[in-house]
Amino acid sequence: MFLTLVLGSGIGAVGRSTITNIMKAKRLGLWATLLVNLTGCLIAGLLLGAHSASLFVSLLIGFIGGFTTYSTFNGELASFFFQHQYLRLCVYLLISYGGGLLACYLGYQFIQMI
């Protein structure tokens, strides 16, 4: 189980890094964070809907833990705050959390249908 967690975390981190680097090269860094976090929420919903404890633990904690980037997300929110961009902070916060909950819900519902 430990090896699966470590391997999943490494694969997730490489995936996140690849997406982030591609999008930052196109000056879309903020969108990269949003994309990986919403994708991670969607995968979490799929796994929760699958009701597989070992799959859930290995993938959710390992892969999604390495793939998502909530430290970057919070850094971006702090940057908006210190730059007095309060509207942007609130919109980004609502899109990230609201979109994350929606993505998780949709993933869960999708698995329940199949």
PDB file of N, CA and C in Angstrom:
ATOM      1  N   MET A   1       0.828  -1.196   0.000  1.00  0.00           N
ATOM      2  CA  MET A   1       0.000   0.000   0.000  1.00  0.00           C
ATOM      3  C   MET A   1       0.870   1.256   0.000  1.00  0.00           C
ATOM      4  N   PHE A   2       1.923   1.262   0.820  1.00  0.00           N
ATOM      5  CA  PHE A   2       2.807   2.427   0.901  1.00  0.00           C
ATOM      6  C   PHE A   2       3.453   2.712  -0.446  1.00  0.00           C
ATOM      7  N   LEU A   3       3.921   1.683  -1.110  1.00  0.00           N
ATOM      8  CA  LEU A   3       4.556   1.857  -2.413  1.00  0.00           C
ATOM      9  C   LEU A   3       3.567   2.430  -3.429  1.00  0.00           C
ATOM     10  N   THR A   4       2.321   1.979  -3.377  1.00  0.00           N
ATOM     11  CA  THR A   4       1.285   2.494  -4.271  1.00  0.00           C
ATOM     12  C   THR A   4       1.050   3.985  -4.019  1.00  0.00           C
ATOM     13  N   LEU A   5       1.041   4.373  -2.753  1.00  0.00           N
ATOM     14  CA  LEU A   5       0.851   5.785  -2.415  1.00  0.00           C
ATOM     15  C   LEU A   5       2.005   6.632  -2.946  1.00  0.00           C
ATOM     16  N   VAL A   6       3.214   6.146  -2.737  1.00  0.00           N
ATOM     17  CA  VAL A   6       4.394   6.887  -3.177  1.00  0.00           C
ATOM     18  C   VAL A   6       4.426   6.986  -4.704  1.00  0.00           C
ATOM     19  N   LEU A   7       4.170   5.879  -5.370  1.00  0.00           N
ATOM     20  CA  LEU A   7       4.164   5.863  -6.827  1.00  0.00           C
ATOM     21  C   LEU A   7       3.061   6.771  -7.381  1.00  0.00           C
ATOM     22  N   GLY A   8       1.862   6.677  -6.811  1.00  0.00           N
ATOM     23  CA  GLY A   8       0.753   7.524  -7.243  1.00  0.00           C
ATOM     24  C   GLY A   8       1.060   8.994  -7.044  1.00  0.00           C
ATOM     25  N   SER A   9       1.672   9.323  -5.920  1.00  0.00           N
ATOM     26  CA  SER A   9       2.024  10.711  -5.629  1.00  0.00           C
ATOM     27  C   SER A   9       3.040  11.237  -6.633  1.00  0.00           C
ATOM     28  N   GLY A  10       4.013  10.426  -6.948  1.00  0.00           N
ATOM     29  CA  GLY A  10       5.028  10.828  -7.924  1.00  0.00           C
ATOM     30  C   GLY A  10       4.437  11.049  -9.302  1.00  0.00           C
ATOM     31  N   ILE A  11       3.577  10.136  -9.733  1.00  0.00           N
ATOM     32  CA  ILE A  11       2.930  10.269 -11.051  1.00  0.00           C
ATOM     33  C   ILE A  11       2.038  11.511 -11.076  1.00  0.00           C
ATOM     34  N   GLY A  12       1.303  11.730 -10.000  1.00  0.00           N
ATOM     35  CA  GLY A  12       0.444  12.919  -9.925  1.00  0.00           C
ATOM     36  C   GLY A  12       1.245  14.209  -9.977  1.00  0.00           C
ATOM     37  N   ALA A  13       2.368  14.248  -9.264  1.00  0.00           N
ATOM     38  CA  ALA A  13       3.200  15.454  -9.255  1.00  0.00           C
ATOM     39  C   ALA A  13       3.794  15.732 -10.628  1.00  0.00           C
ATOM     40  N   VAL A  14       4.207  14.684 -11.338  1.00  0.00           N
ATOM     41  CA  VAL A  14       4.750  14.864 -12.683  1.00  0.00           C
ATOM     42  C   VAL A  14       3.655  15.369 -13.627  1.00  0.00           C
ATOM     43  N   GLY A  15       2.451  14.826 -13.500  1.00  0.00           N
ATOM     44  CA  GLY A  15       1.330  15.290 -14.314  1.00  0.00           C
ATOM     45  C   GLY A  15       1.024  16.750 -14.062  1.00  0.00           C
ATOM     46  N   ARG A  16       0.974  17.121 -12.797  1.00  0.00           N
ATOM     47  CA  ARG A  16       0.705  18.523 -12.439  1.00  0.00           C
ATOM     48  C   ARG A  16       1.795  19.431 -12.978  1.00  0.00           C
ATOM     49  N   SER A  17       3.023  19.051 -12.786  1.00  0.00           N
ATOM     50  CA  SER A  17       4.143  19.860 -13.240  1.00  0.00           C
ATOM     51  C   SER A  17       4.122  20.053 -14.753  1.00  0.00           C
ATOM     52  N   THR A  18       3.806  18.994 -15.472  1.00  0.00           N
ATOM     53  CA  THR A  18       3.745  19.072 -16.932  1.00  0.00           C
ATOM     54  C   THR A  18       2.662  20.041 -17.383  1.00  0.00           C
ATOM     55  N   ILE A  19       1.468  19.887 -16.830  1.00  0.00           N
ATOM     56  CA  ILE A  19       0.358  20.780 -17.183  1.00  0.00           C
ATOM     57  C   ILE A  19       0.685  22.221 -16.824  1.00  0.00           C
ATOM     58  N   THR A  20       1.219  22.425 -15.636  1.00  0.00           N
ATOM     59  CA  THR A  20       1.543  23.776 -15.173  1.00  0.00           C
ATOM     60  C   THR A  20       2.599  24.423 -16.064  1.00  0.00           C
ATOM     61  N   ASN A  21       3.639  23.680 -16.401  1.00  0.00           N
ATOM     62  CA  ASN A  21       4.706  24.251 -17.232  1.00  0.00           C
ATOM     63  C   ASN A  21       4.201  24.619 -18.625  1.00  0.00           C
ATOM     64  N   ILE A  22       3.375  23.771 -19.204  1.00  0.00           N
ATOM     65  CA  ILE A  22       2.819  24.056 -20.532  1.00  0.00           C
ATOM     66  C   ILE A  22       1.956  25.310 -20.479  1.00  0.00           C
ATOM     67  N   MET A  23       1.104  25.386 -19.469  1.00  0.00           N
ATOM     68  CA  MET A  23       0.178  26.522 -19.396  1.00  0.00           C
ATOM     69  C   MET A  23       0.885  27.816 -18.985  1.00  0.00           C
ATOM     70  N   LYS A  24       1.913  27.716 -18.134  1.00  0.00           N
ATOM     71  CA  LYS A  24       2.659  28.922 -17.753  1.00  0.00           C
ATOM     72  C   LYS A  24       3.443  29.474 -18.930  1.00  0.00           C
ATOM     73  N   ALA A  25       3.912  28.603 -19.805  1.00  0.00           N
ATOM     74  CA  ALA A  25       4.621  29.056 -21.003  1.00  0.00           C
ATOM     75  C   ALA A  25       3.687  29.880 -21.888  1.00  0.00           C
ATOM     76  N   LYS A  26       2.398  29.624 -21.770  1.00  0.00           N
ATOM     77  CA  LYS A  26       1.390  30.368 -22.540  1.00  0.00           C
ATOM     78  C   LYS A  26       0.771  31.485 -21.698  1.00  0.00           C
ATOM     79  N   ARG A  27       1.387  31.753 -20.539  1.00  0.00           N
ATOM     80  CA  ARG A  27       0.921  32.786 -19.604  1.00  0.00           C
ATOM     81  C   ARG A  27      -0.482  32.482 -19.056  1.00  0.00           C
ATOM     82  N   LEU A  28      -0.720  31.224 -18.774  1.00  0.00           N
ATOM     83  CA  LEU A  28      -2.009  30.788 -18.233  1.00  0.00           C
ATOM     84  C   LEU A  28      -1.825  30.084 -16.882  1.00  0.00           C
ATOM     85  N   GLY A  29      -0.872  30.550 -16.088  1.00  0.00           N
ATOM     86  CA  GLY A  29      -0.539  29.886 -14.826  1.00  0.00           C
ATOM     87  C   GLY A  29      -1.710  29.730 -13.875  1.00  0.00           C
ATOM     88  N   LEU A  30      -2.507  30.783 -13.727  1.00  0.00           N
ATOM     89  CA  LEU A  30      -3.668  30.726 -12.844  1.00  0.00           C
ATOM     90  C   LEU A  30      -4.660  29.670 -13.317  1.00  0.00           C
ATOM     91  N   TRP A  31      -4.837  29.559 -14.628  1.00  0.00           N
ATOM     92  CA  TRP A  31      -5.741  28.564 -15.192  1.00  0.00           C
ATOM     93  C   TRP A  31      -5.192  27.154 -14.977  1.00  0.00           C
ATOM     94  N   ALA A  32      -3.878  27.010 -14.955  1.00  0.00           N
ATOM     95  CA  ALA A  32      -3.276  25.692 -14.722  1.00  0.00           C
ATOM     96  C   ALA A  32      -3.651  25.183 -13.336  1.00  0.00           C
ATOM     97  N   THR A  33      -3.553  26.040 -12.349  1.00  0.00           N
ATOM     98  CA  THR A  33      -3.921  25.662 -10.985  1.00  0.00           C
ATOM     99  C   THR A  33      -5.384  25.257 -10.925  1.00  0.00           C
ATOM    100  N   LEU A  34      -6.229  26.050 -11.535  1.00  0.00           N
ATOM    101  CA  LEU A  34      -7.661  25.754 -11.541  1.00  0.00           C
ATOM    102  C   LEU A  34      -7.931  24.431 -12.255  1.00  0.00           C
ATOM    103  N   LEU A  35      -7.298  24.209 -13.388  1.00  0.00           N
ATOM    104  CA  LEU A  35      -7.504  22.981 -14.157  1.00  0.00           C
ATOM    105  C   LEU A  35      -7.101  21.738 -13.366  1.00  0.00           C
ATOM    106  N   VAL A  36      -5.917  21.748 -12.765  1.00  0.00           N
ATOM    107  CA  VAL A  36      -5.491  20.537 -12.050  1.00  0.00           C
ATOM    108  C   VAL A  36      -6.339  20.301 -10.805  1.00  0.00           C
ATOM    109  N   ASN A  37      -6.723  21.366 -10.121  1.00  0.00           N
ATOM    110  CA  ASN A  37      -7.537  21.180  -8.923  1.00  0.00           C
ATOM    111  C   ASN A  37      -8.948  20.695  -9.252  1.00  0.00           C
ATOM    112  N   LEU A  38      -9.554  21.241 -10.300  1.00  0.00           N
ATOM    113  CA  LEU A  38     -10.895  20.776 -10.683  1.00  0.00           C
ATOM    114  C   LEU A  38     -10.840  19.351 -11.226  1.00  0.00           C
ATOM    115  N   THR A  39      -9.805  19.017 -11.974  1.00  0.00           N
ATOM    116  CA  THR A  39      -9.643  17.655 -12.466  1.00  0.00           C
ATOM    117  C   THR A  39      -9.457  16.690 -11.297  1.00  0.00           C
ATOM    118  N   GLY A  40      -8.685  17.092 -10.314  1.00  0.00           N
ATOM    119  CA  GLY A  40      -8.502  16.269  -9.111  1.00  0.00           C
ATOM    120  C   GLY A  40      -9.819  16.037  -8.388  1.00  0.00           C
ATOM    121  N   CYS A  41     -10.661  17.053  -8.311  1.00  0.00           N
ATOM    122  CA  CYS A  41     -11.977  16.911  -7.680  1.00  0.00           C
ATOM    123  C   CYS A  41     -12.872  15.960  -8.471  1.00  0.00           C
ATOM    124  N   LEU A  42     -12.812  16.047  -9.788  1.00  0.00           N
ATOM    125  CA  LEU A  42     -13.592  15.143 -10.630  1.00  0.00           C
ATOM    126  C   LEU A  42     -13.150  13.694 -10.398  1.00  0.00           C
ATOM    127  N   ILE A  43     -11.850  13.464 -10.370  1.00  0.00           N
ATOM    128  CA  ILE A  43     -11.333  12.109 -10.135  1.00  0.00           C
ATOM    129  C   ILE A  43     -11.726  11.629  -8.745  1.00  0.00           C
ATOM    130  N   ALA A  44     -11.690  12.518  -7.762  1.00  0.00           N
ATOM    131  CA  ALA A  44     -12.102  12.142  -6.404  1.00  0.00           C
ATOM    132  C   ALA A  44     -13.559  11.690  -6.392  1.00  0.00           C
ATOM    133  N   GLY A  45     -14.422  12.407  -7.107  1.00  0.00           N
ATOM    134  CA  GLY A  45     -15.833  12.019  -7.196  1.00  0.00           C
ATOM    135  C   GLY A  45     -15.996  10.667  -7.853  1.00  0.00           C
ATOM    136  N   LEU A  46     -15.234  10.422  -8.913  1.00  0.00           N
ATOM    137  CA  LEU A  46     -15.284   9.114  -9.581  1.00  0.00           C
ATOM    138  C   LEU A  46     -14.878   8.003  -8.624  1.00  0.00           C
ATOM    139  N   LEU A  47     -13.818   8.235  -7.871  1.00  0.00           N
ATOM    140  CA  LEU A  47     -13.338   7.216  -6.937  1.00  0.00           C
ATOM    141  C   LEU A  47     -14.302   7.009  -5.775  1.00  0.00           C
ATOM    142  N   LEU A  48     -14.871   8.091  -5.280  1.00  0.00           N
ATOM    143  CA  LEU A  48     -15.852   7.968  -4.203  1.00  0.00           C
ATOM    144  C   LEU A  48     -17.067   7.173  -4.667  1.00  0.00           C
ATOM    145  N   GLY A  49     -17.475   7.390  -5.905  1.00  0.00           N
ATOM    146  CA  GLY A  49     -18.613   6.670  -6.456  1.00  0.00           C
ATOM    147  C   GLY A  49     -18.322   5.209  -6.705  1.00  0.00           C
ATOM    148  N   ALA A  50     -17.050   4.853  -6.877  1.00  0.00           N
ATOM    149  CA  ALA A  50     -16.666   3.458  -7.140  1.00  0.00           C
ATOM    150  C   ALA A  50     -16.736   2.598  -5.878  1.00  0.00           C
ATOM    151  N   HIS A  51     -16.767   3.194  -4.711  1.00  0.00           N
ATOM    152  CA  HIS A  51     -16.868   2.480  -3.433  1.00  0.00           C
ATOM    153  C   HIS A  51     -15.793   1.413  -3.258  1.00  0.00           C
ATOM    154  N   SER A  52     -14.592   1.688  -3.700  1.00  0.00           N
ATOM    155  CA  SER A  52     -13.490   0.752  -3.539  1.00  0.00           C
ATOM    156  C   SER A  52     -12.481   1.363  -2.578  1.00  0.00           C
ATOM    157  N   ALA A  53     -12.424   0.830  -1.373  1.00  0.00           N
ATOM    158  CA  ALA A  53     -11.569   1.411  -0.337  1.00  0.00           C
ATOM    159  C   ALA A  53     -10.100   1.410  -0.742  1.00  0.00           C
ATOM    160  N   SER A  54      -9.585   0.317  -1.260  1.00  0.00           N
ATOM    161  CA  SER A  54      -8.160   0.273  -1.600  1.00  0.00           C
ATOM    162  C   SER A  54      -7.863   1.172  -2.791  1.00  0.00           C
ATOM    163  N   LEU A  55      -8.736   1.167  -3.774  1.00  0.00           N
ATOM    164  CA  LEU A  55      -8.551   2.041  -4.925  1.00  0.00           C
ATOM    165  C   LEU A  55      -8.634   3.496  -4.490  1.00  0.00           C
ATOM    166  N   PHE A  56      -9.589   3.793  -3.649  1.00  0.00           N
ATOM    167  CA  PHE A  56      -9.778   5.153  -3.159  1.00  0.00           C
ATOM    168  C   PHE A  56      -8.539   5.653  -2.434  1.00  0.00           C
ATOM    169  N   VAL A  57      -8.058   4.885  -1.486  1.00  0.00           N
ATOM    170  CA  VAL A  57      -6.912   5.309  -0.690  1.00  0.00           C
ATOM    171  C   VAL A  57      -5.670   5.462  -1.558  1.00  0.00           C
ATOM    172  N   SER A  58      -5.407   4.467  -2.380  1.00  0.00           N
ATOM    173  CA  SER A  58      -4.196   4.508  -3.201  1.00  0.00           C
ATOM    174  C   SER A  58      -4.215   5.651  -4.189  1.00  0.00           C
ATOM    175  N   LEU A  59      -5.320   5.833  -4.866  1.00  0.00           N
ATOM    176  CA  LEU A  59      -5.383   6.861  -5.894  1.00  0.00           C
ATOM    177  C   LEU A  59      -5.668   8.243  -5.327  1.00  0.00           C
ATOM    178  N   LEU A  60      -6.626   8.332  -4.451  1.00  0.00           N
ATOM    179  CA  LEU A  60      -7.001   9.647  -3.943  1.00  0.00           C
ATOM    180  C   LEU A  60      -5.871  10.265  -3.136  1.00  0.00           C
ATOM    181  N   ILE A  61      -5.355   9.523  -2.202  1.00  0.00           N
ATOM    182  CA  ILE A  61      -4.301  10.087  -1.366  1.00  0.00           C
ATOM    183  C   ILE A  61      -2.995  10.195  -2.143  1.00  0.00           C
ATOM    184  N   GLY A  62      -2.681   9.178  -2.930  1.00  0.00           N
ATOM    185  CA  GLY A  62      -1.429   9.187  -3.673  1.00  0.00           C
ATOM    186  C   GLY A  62      -1.462  10.093  -4.879  1.00  0.00           C
ATOM    187  N   PHE A  63      -2.169   9.656  -5.915  1.00  0.00           N
ATOM    188  CA  PHE A  63      -2.164  10.394  -7.182  1.00  0.00           C
ATOM    189  C   PHE A  63      -2.745  11.793  -7.047  1.00  0.00           C
ATOM    190  N   ILE A  64      -3.950  11.888  -6.510  1.00  0.00           N
ATOM    191  CA  ILE A  64      -4.603  13.193  -6.447  1.00  0.00           C
ATOM    192  C   ILE A  64      -3.879  14.119  -5.478  1.00  0.00           C
ATOM    193  N   GLY A  65      -3.328  13.562  -4.417  1.00  0.00           N
ATOM    194  CA  GLY A  65      -2.535  14.371  -3.490  1.00  0.00           C
ATOM    195  C   GLY A  65      -1.320  14.984  -4.168  1.00  0.00           C
ATOM    196  N   GLY A  66      -0.684  14.224  -5.061  1.00  0.00           N
ATOM    197  CA  GLY A  66       0.452  14.752  -5.808  1.00  0.00           C
ATOM    198  C   GLY A  66       0.040  15.631  -6.973  1.00  0.00           C
ATOM    199  N   PHE A  67      -1.128  15.348  -7.529  1.00  0.00           N
ATOM    200  CA  PHE A  67      -1.590  16.054  -8.731  1.00  0.00           C
ATOM    201  C   PHE A  67      -2.141  17.435  -8.410  1.00  0.00           C
ATOM    202  N   THR A  68      -2.975  17.542  -7.399  1.00  0.00           N
ATOM    203  CA  THR A  68      -3.589  18.834  -7.070  1.00  0.00           C
ATOM    204  C   THR A  68      -2.576  19.726  -6.368  1.00  0.00           C
ATOM    205  N   THR A  69      -2.861  20.998  -6.365  1.00  0.00           N
ATOM    206  CA  THR A  69      -1.887  21.944  -5.844  1.00  0.00           C
ATOM    207  C   THR A  69      -2.560  23.025  -5.008  1.00  0.00           C
ATOM    208  N   TYR A  70      -2.995  22.633  -3.843  1.00  0.00           N
ATOM    209  CA  TYR A  70      -3.675  23.601  -2.995  1.00  0.00           C
ATOM    210  C   TYR A  70      -2.716  24.584  -2.345  1.00  0.00           C
ATOM    211  N   SER A  71      -1.431  24.255  -2.268  1.00  0.00           N
ATOM    212  CA  SER A  71      -0.485  25.244  -1.749  1.00  0.00           C
ATOM    213  C   SER A  71      -0.337  26.386  -2.754  1.00  0.00           C
ATOM    214  N   THR A  72      -0.271  26.066  -4.044  1.00  0.00           N
ATOM    215  CA  THR A  72      -0.207  27.109  -5.070  1.00  0.00           C
ATOM    216  C   THR A  72      -1.500  27.910  -5.079  1.00  0.00           C
ATOM    217  N   PHE A  73      -2.625  27.212  -4.966  1.00  0.00           N
ATOM    218  CA  PHE A  73      -3.931  27.856  -4.924  1.00  0.00           C
ATOM    219  C   PHE A  73      -3.984  28.891  -3.795  1.00  0.00           C
ATOM    220  N   ASN A  74      -3.562  28.499  -2.598  1.00  0.00           N
ATOM    221  CA  ASN A  74      -3.596  29.425  -1.469  1.00  0.00           C
ATOM    222  C   ASN A  74      -2.589  30.556  -1.638  1.00  0.00           C
ATOM    223  N   GLY A  75      -1.457  30.271  -2.272  1.00  0.00           N
ATOM    224  CA  GLY A  75      -0.492  31.322  -2.569  1.00  0.00           C
ATOM    225  C   GLY A  75      -1.068  32.358  -3.521  1.00  0.00           C
ATOM    226  N   GLU A  76      -1.820  31.879  -4.513  1.00  0.00           N
ATOM    227  CA  GLU A  76      -2.463  32.796  -5.455  1.00  0.00           C
ATOM    228  C   GLU A  76      -3.518  33.640  -4.751  1.00  0.00           C
ATOM    229  N   LEU A  77      -4.290  33.023  -3.860  1.00  0.00           N
ATOM    230  CA  LEU A  77      -5.292  33.787  -3.104  1.00  0.00           C
ATOM    231  C   LEU A  77      -4.617  34.844  -2.237  1.00  0.00           C
ATOM    232  N   ALA A  78      -3.531  34.471  -1.583  1.00  0.00           N
ATOM    233  CA  ALA A  78      -2.800  35.427  -0.744  1.00  0.00           C
ATOM    234  C   ALA A  78      -2.250  36.572  -1.592  1.00  0.00           C
ATOM    235  N   SER A  79      -1.769  36.254  -2.783  1.00  0.00           N
ATOM    236  CA  SER A  79      -1.258  37.285  -3.681  1.00  0.00           C
ATOM    237  C   SER A  79      -2.357  38.281  -4.049  1.00  0.00           C
ATOM    238  N   PHE A  80      -3.544  37.771  -4.362  1.00  0.00           N
ATOM    239  CA  PHE A  80      -4.668  38.665  -4.658  1.00  0.00           C
ATOM    240  C   PHE A  80      -4.986  39.553  -3.452  1.00  0.00           C
ATOM    241  N   PHE A  81      -4.946  38.952  -2.279  1.00  0.00           N
ATOM    242  CA  PHE A  81      -5.256  39.695  -1.054  1.00  0.00           C
ATOM    243  C   PHE A  81      -4.249  40.825  -0.844  1.00  0.00           C
ATOM    244  N   PHE A  82      -2.962  40.515  -0.916  1.00  0.00           N
ATOM    245  CA  PHE A  82      -1.934  41.520  -0.646  1.00  0.00           C
ATOM    246  C   PHE A  82      -1.840  42.578  -1.744  1.00  0.00           C
ATOM    247  N   GLN A  83      -2.355  42.257  -2.925  1.00  0.00           N
ATOM    248  CA  GLN A  83      -2.393  43.238  -4.015  1.00  0.00           C
ATOM    249  C   GLN A  83      -3.728  43.995  -4.028  1.00  0.00           C
ATOM    250  N   HIS A  84      -4.534  43.764  -2.994  1.00  0.00           N
ATOM    251  CA  HIS A  84      -5.840  44.408  -2.841  1.00  0.00           C
ATOM    252  C   HIS A  84      -6.780  44.124  -4.006  1.00  0.00           C
ATOM    253  N   GLN A  85      -6.659  42.934  -4.590  1.00  0.00           N
ATOM    254  CA  GLN A  85      -7.544  42.504  -5.674  1.00  0.00           C
ATOM    255  C   GLN A  85      -8.637  41.616  -5.076  1.00  0.00           C
ATOM    256  N   TYR A  86      -9.479  42.220  -4.265  1.00  0.00           N
ATOM    257  CA  TYR A  86     -10.454  41.476  -3.483  1.00  0.00           C
ATOM    258  C   TYR A  86     -11.539  40.822  -4.344  1.00  0.00           C
ATOM    259  N   LEU A  87     -11.973  41.501  -5.380  1.00  0.00           N
ATOM    260  CA  LEU A  87     -12.987  40.914  -6.258  1.00  0.00           C
ATOM    261  C   LEU A  87     -12.417  39.675  -6.957  1.00  0.00           C
ATOM    262  N   ARG A  88     -11.204  39.807  -7.462  1.00  0.00           N
ATOM    263  CA  ARG A  88     -10.558  38.672  -8.132  1.00  0.00           C
ATOM    264  C   ARG A  88     -10.366  37.504  -7.151  1.00  0.00           C
ATOM    265  N   LEU A  89      -9.977  37.827  -5.920  1.00  0.00           N
ATOM    266  CA  LEU A  89      -9.814  36.812  -4.879  1.00  0.00           C
ATOM    267  C   LEU A  89     -11.128  36.072  -4.653  1.00  0.00           C
ATOM    268  N   CYS A  90     -12.213  36.805  -4.497  1.00  0.00           N
ATOM    269  CA  CYS A  90     -13.513  36.177  -4.222  1.00  0.00           C
ATOM    270  C   CYS A  90     -14.005  35.339  -5.395  1.00  0.00           C
ATOM    271  N   VAL A  91     -13.840  35.858  -6.600  1.00  0.00           N
ATOM    272  CA  VAL A  91     -14.287  35.119  -7.787  1.00  0.00           C
ATOM    273  C   VAL A  91     -13.487  33.830  -7.930  1.00  0.00           C
ATOM    274  N   TYR A  92     -12.163  33.924  -7.770  1.00  0.00           N
ATOM    275  CA  TYR A  92     -11.301  32.748  -7.896  1.00  0.00           C
ATOM    276  C   TYR A  92     -11.616  31.726  -6.800  1.00  0.00           C
ATOM    277  N   LEU A  93     -11.858  32.206  -5.614  1.00  0.00           N
ATOM    278  CA  LEU A  93     -12.207  31.335  -4.500  1.00  0.00           C
ATOM    279  C   LEU A  93     -13.525  30.609  -4.769  1.00  0.00           C
ATOM    280  N   LEU A  94     -14.527  31.333  -5.222  1.00  0.00           N
ATOM    281  CA  LEU A  94     -15.836  30.736  -5.503  1.00  0.00           C
ATOM    282  C   LEU A  94     -15.778  29.754  -6.677  1.00  0.00           C
ATOM    283  N   ILE A  95     -15.063  30.113  -7.728  1.00  0.00           N
ATOM    284  CA  ILE A  95     -14.943  29.208  -8.875  1.00  0.00           C
ATOM    285  C   ILE A  95     -14.198  27.942  -8.466  1.00  0.00           C
ATOM    286  N   SER A  96     -13.137  28.093  -7.694  1.00  0.00           N
ATOM    287  CA  SER A  96     -12.326  26.938  -7.297  1.00  0.00           C
ATOM    288  C   SER A  96     -13.102  25.994  -6.386  1.00  0.00           C
ATOM    289  N   TYR A  97     -13.692  26.519  -5.332  1.00  0.00           N
ATOM    290  CA  TYR A  97     -14.414  25.650  -4.397  1.00  0.00           C
ATOM    291  C   TYR A  97     -15.760  25.198  -4.951  1.00  0.00           C
ATOM    292  N   GLY A  98     -16.491  26.112  -5.549  1.00  0.00           N
ATOM    293  CA  GLY A  98     -17.778  25.732  -6.141  1.00  0.00           C
ATOM    294  C   GLY A  98     -17.594  24.763  -7.295  1.00  0.00           C
ATOM    295  N   GLY A  99     -16.635  25.068  -8.163  1.00  0.00           N
ATOM    296  CA  GLY A  99     -16.338  24.175  -9.275  1.00  0.00           C
ATOM    297  C   GLY A  99     -15.806  22.838  -8.811  1.00  0.00           C
ATOM    298  N   GLY A 100     -15.017  22.847  -7.739  1.00  0.00           N
ATOM    299  CA  GLY A 100     -14.492  21.600  -7.185  1.00  0.00           C
ATOM    300  C   GLY A 100     -15.592  20.710  -6.642  1.00  0.00           C
ATOM    301  N   LEU A 101     -16.511  21.306  -5.914  1.00  0.00           N
ATOM    302  CA  LEU A 101     -17.644  20.531  -5.396  1.00  0.00           C
ATOM    303  C   LEU A 101     -18.518  19.998  -6.530  1.00  0.00           C
ATOM    304  N   LEU A 102     -18.743  20.832  -7.536  1.00  0.00           N
ATOM    305  CA  LEU A 102     -19.540  20.402  -8.685  1.00  0.00           C
ATOM    306  C   LEU A 102     -18.840  19.277  -9.443  1.00  0.00           C
ATOM    307  N   ALA A 103     -17.539  19.401  -9.671  1.00  0.00           N
ATOM    308  CA  ALA A 103     -16.791  18.359 -10.380  1.00  0.00           C
ATOM    309  C   ALA A 103     -16.819  17.048  -9.609  1.00  0.00           C
ATOM    310  N   CYS A 104     -16.665  17.118  -8.299  1.00  0.00           N
ATOM    311  CA  CYS A 104     -16.712  15.915  -7.464  1.00  0.00           C
ATOM    312  C   CYS A 104     -18.097  15.277  -7.541  1.00  0.00           C
ATOM    313  N   TYR A 105     -19.115  16.078  -7.451  1.00  0.00           N
ATOM    314  CA  TYR A 105     -20.493  15.588  -7.536  1.00  0.00           C
ATOM    315  C   TYR A 105     -20.761  14.926  -8.887  1.00  0.00           C
ATOM    316  N   LEU A 106     -20.332  15.586  -9.962  1.00  0.00           N
ATOM    317  CA  LEU A 106     -20.562  15.032 -11.302  1.00  0.00           C
ATOM    318  C   LEU A 106     -19.819  13.714 -11.498  1.00  0.00           C
ATOM    319  N   GLY A 107     -18.591  13.636 -10.991  1.00  0.00           N
ATOM    320  CA  GLY A 107     -17.841  12.387 -11.078  1.00  0.00           C
ATOM    321  C   GLY A 107     -18.533  11.273 -10.314  1.00  0.00           C
ATOM    322  N   TYR A 108     -19.010  11.593  -9.129  1.00  0.00           N
ATOM    323  CA  TYR A 108     -19.728  10.611  -8.304  1.00  0.00           C
ATOM    324  C   TYR A 108     -20.995  10.133  -9.015  1.00  0.00           C
ATOM    325  N   GLN A 109     -21.762  11.083  -9.532  1.00  0.00           N
ATOM    326  CA  GLN A 109     -23.010  10.731 -10.217  1.00  0.00           C
ATOM    327  C   GLN A 109     -22.759   9.920 -11.480  1.00  0.00           C
ATOM    328  N   PHE A 110     -21.707  10.225 -12.204  1.00  0.00           N
ATOM    329  CA  PHE A 110     -21.365   9.490 -13.414  1.00  0.00           C
ATOM    330  C   PHE A 110     -21.088   8.024 -13.097  1.00  0.00           C
ATOM    331  N   ILE A 111     -20.289   7.774 -12.055  1.00  0.00           N
ATOM    332  CA  ILE A 111     -19.971   6.398 -11.676  1.00  0.00           C
ATOM    333  C   ILE A 111     -21.217   5.661 -11.207  1.00  0.00           C
ATOM    334  N   GLN A 112     -22.119   6.344 -10.529  1.00  0.00           N
ATOM    335  CA  GLN A 112     -23.348   5.711 -10.069  1.00  0.00           C
ATOM    336  C   GLN A 112     -24.243   5.264 -11.233  1.00  0.00           C
ATOM    337  N   MET A 113     -24.149   5.973 -12.364  1.00  0.00           N
ATOM    338  CA  MET A 113     -24.980   5.634 -13.516  1.00  0.00           C
ATOM    339  C   MET A 113     -24.467   4.417 -14.290  1.00  0.00           C
ATOM    340  N   ILE A 114     -23.147   4.157 -14.204  1.00  0.00           N
ATOM    341  CA  ILE A 114     -22.613   3.029 -14.987  1.00  0.00           C
ATOM    342  C   ILE A 114     -22.486   1.776 -14.177  1.00  0.00           C
TER     343      ILE A 114
END
